[in-house]
Protein backbone atom coordinates (compact mmCIF):
# COMPACT_ATOMS: atom_id res chain seq x y z
CA MET A 1 4.83 -4.59 -23.94
CA GLU A 2 3.83 -4.65 -20.19
CA SER A 3 6.27 -4.45 -17.50
CA HIS A 4 6.51 -7.00 -14.78
CA ILE A 5 4.96 -4.50 -12.26
CA GLU A 6 2.12 -3.69 -14.57
CA GLN A 7 1.39 -7.35 -15.33
CA SER A 8 1.44 -8.11 -11.46
CA LEU A 9 -1.08 -5.30 -10.77
CA VAL A 10 -3.44 -6.79 -13.29
CA THR A 11 -2.89 -10.46 -12.11
CA GLN A 12 -3.55 -9.50 -8.55
CA GLY A 13 -6.64 -7.69 -9.41
CA ILE A 14 -5.39 -4.39 -8.15
CA ILE A 15 -5.95 -2.65 -11.52
CA SER A 16 -7.89 -3.86 -14.50
CA GLN A 17 -6.48 -4.39 -17.87
CA GLU A 18 -8.66 -1.57 -19.11
CA GLN A 19 -7.41 0.83 -16.44
CA LEU A 20 -3.91 -0.04 -17.41
CA ALA A 21 -4.62 0.56 -21.02
CA THR A 22 -6.29 3.88 -20.26
CA LEU A 23 -3.34 5.05 -18.22
CA LYS A 24 -0.94 4.09 -20.97
CA LEU A 25 -2.94 5.80 -23.55
CA GLU A 26 -3.01 9.02 -21.46
CA GLN A 27 0.72 8.72 -21.06
CA GLN A 28 1.17 8.53 -24.67
CA ARG A 29 -1.24 11.49 -25.52
CA SER A 30 0.07 13.85 -22.95
CA SER A 31 3.62 12.93 -23.01
CA ILE A 32 3.87 12.51 -19.23
CA SER A 33 7.06 11.12 -17.86
CA LEU A 34 7.30 7.58 -16.76
CA ILE A 35 7.63 8.63 -13.24
CA ASN A 36 4.27 10.45 -13.47
CA ALA A 37 2.68 7.37 -14.95
CA ILE A 38 4.05 5.11 -12.16
CA ARG A 39 2.66 7.66 -9.72
CA ARG A 40 -0.87 7.36 -11.31
CA LEU A 41 -0.64 3.56 -11.11
CA LYS A 42 0.24 3.86 -7.49
CA PHE A 43 -2.64 6.18 -6.78
CA VAL A 44 -5.06 3.76 -8.52
CA ARG A 45 -3.61 0.92 -6.57
CA GLU A 46 -3.86 2.79 -3.31
CA THR A 47 -7.41 3.80 -4.05
CA VAL A 48 -8.46 0.27 -4.85
CA LEU A 49 -6.60 -0.99 -1.71
CA LEU A 50 -8.48 1.58 0.46
CA ASP A 51 -11.79 0.40 -1.12
CA PHE A 52 -10.94 -3.21 -0.36
CA LEU A 53 -10.20 -2.30 3.30
CA GLU A 54 -13.55 -0.40 3.64
CA GLN A 55 -15.38 -3.43 2.15
CA LYS A 56 -13.46 -5.74 4.43
CA LYS A 57 -12.28 -7.76 1.52
CA ILE A 58 -8.69 -7.50 2.91
CA LYS A 59 -7.39 -7.23 6.35
CA PRO A 60 -3.87 -5.98 7.12
CA ILE A 61 -1.70 -7.99 9.55
CA ILE A 62 -0.66 -5.80 12.48
CA ALA A 63 2.09 -7.15 14.52
CA GLN A 64 1.90 -4.67 17.29
CA ARG A 65 0.63 -1.13 18.15
CA PHE A 66 2.68 1.54 19.86
CA PRO A 67 1.73 4.99 21.31
CA LEU A 68 3.31 7.70 19.38
CA ALA A 69 5.39 8.53 22.35
CA GLU A 70 6.97 5.13 22.02
CA ALA A 71 8.00 5.44 18.38
CA ARG A 72 11.68 4.71 19.36
CA GLN A 73 10.76 1.33 20.70
CA ALA A 74 8.66 0.61 17.71
CA HIS A 75 11.65 1.39 15.36
CA GLU A 76 14.05 -0.65 17.65
CA LEU A 77 11.50 -3.66 17.24
CA LEU A 78 11.67 -3.36 13.56
CA GLY A 79 15.42 -3.16 13.68
CA LYS A 80 15.69 -6.59 15.41
CA GLY A 81 13.80 -8.22 12.42
CA GLY A 82 11.46 -11.15 12.58
CA VAL A 83 8.37 -8.97 12.79
CA VAL A 84 5.33 -10.28 10.91
CA GLY A 85 2.94 -7.71 10.02
CA LYS A 86 2.92 -3.94 10.47
CA ILE A 87 3.94 -1.81 13.36
CA VAL A 88 1.32 0.83 13.90
CA LEU A 89 1.86 4.07 15.70
CA VAL A 90 -1.21 5.37 17.34
CA PRO A 91 -2.02 8.76 19.09
CA ASN A 92 -0.95 8.84 22.67
CA GLY A 93 -3.76 7.55 24.87
CA ALA A 94 -5.20 5.01 22.34
CA PRO A 95 -5.18 1.24 23.00
CA ARG A 96 -1.97 -0.45 22.75
CA GLY A 97 -1.33 -4.00 22.16
CA MET A 98 -0.80 -6.99 19.62
CA ASP A 99 -3.25 -8.05 16.92
CA HIS A 100 -3.56 -11.43 15.67
């Protein structure tokens, strides 16, 4: 029986049913722990997401960029709530601003 997380990964196209079956079989054969199986699923998901980013199939929503030196202000903004998108810390000297 698939967990809700596994089913969501397949439904959202992050991992194929075949990839999931292969990981489950590997888990059974090698007796790896559940936590290691989850780590492998996360690795596959992250790999697929990075591929989607490179292919421009997805675009992350960036609320605002802050220089690394302003990490405190970025953290305070998150603490206030209401931020839509990601707060990105960039190396000092890189462009700062809001993305839409």
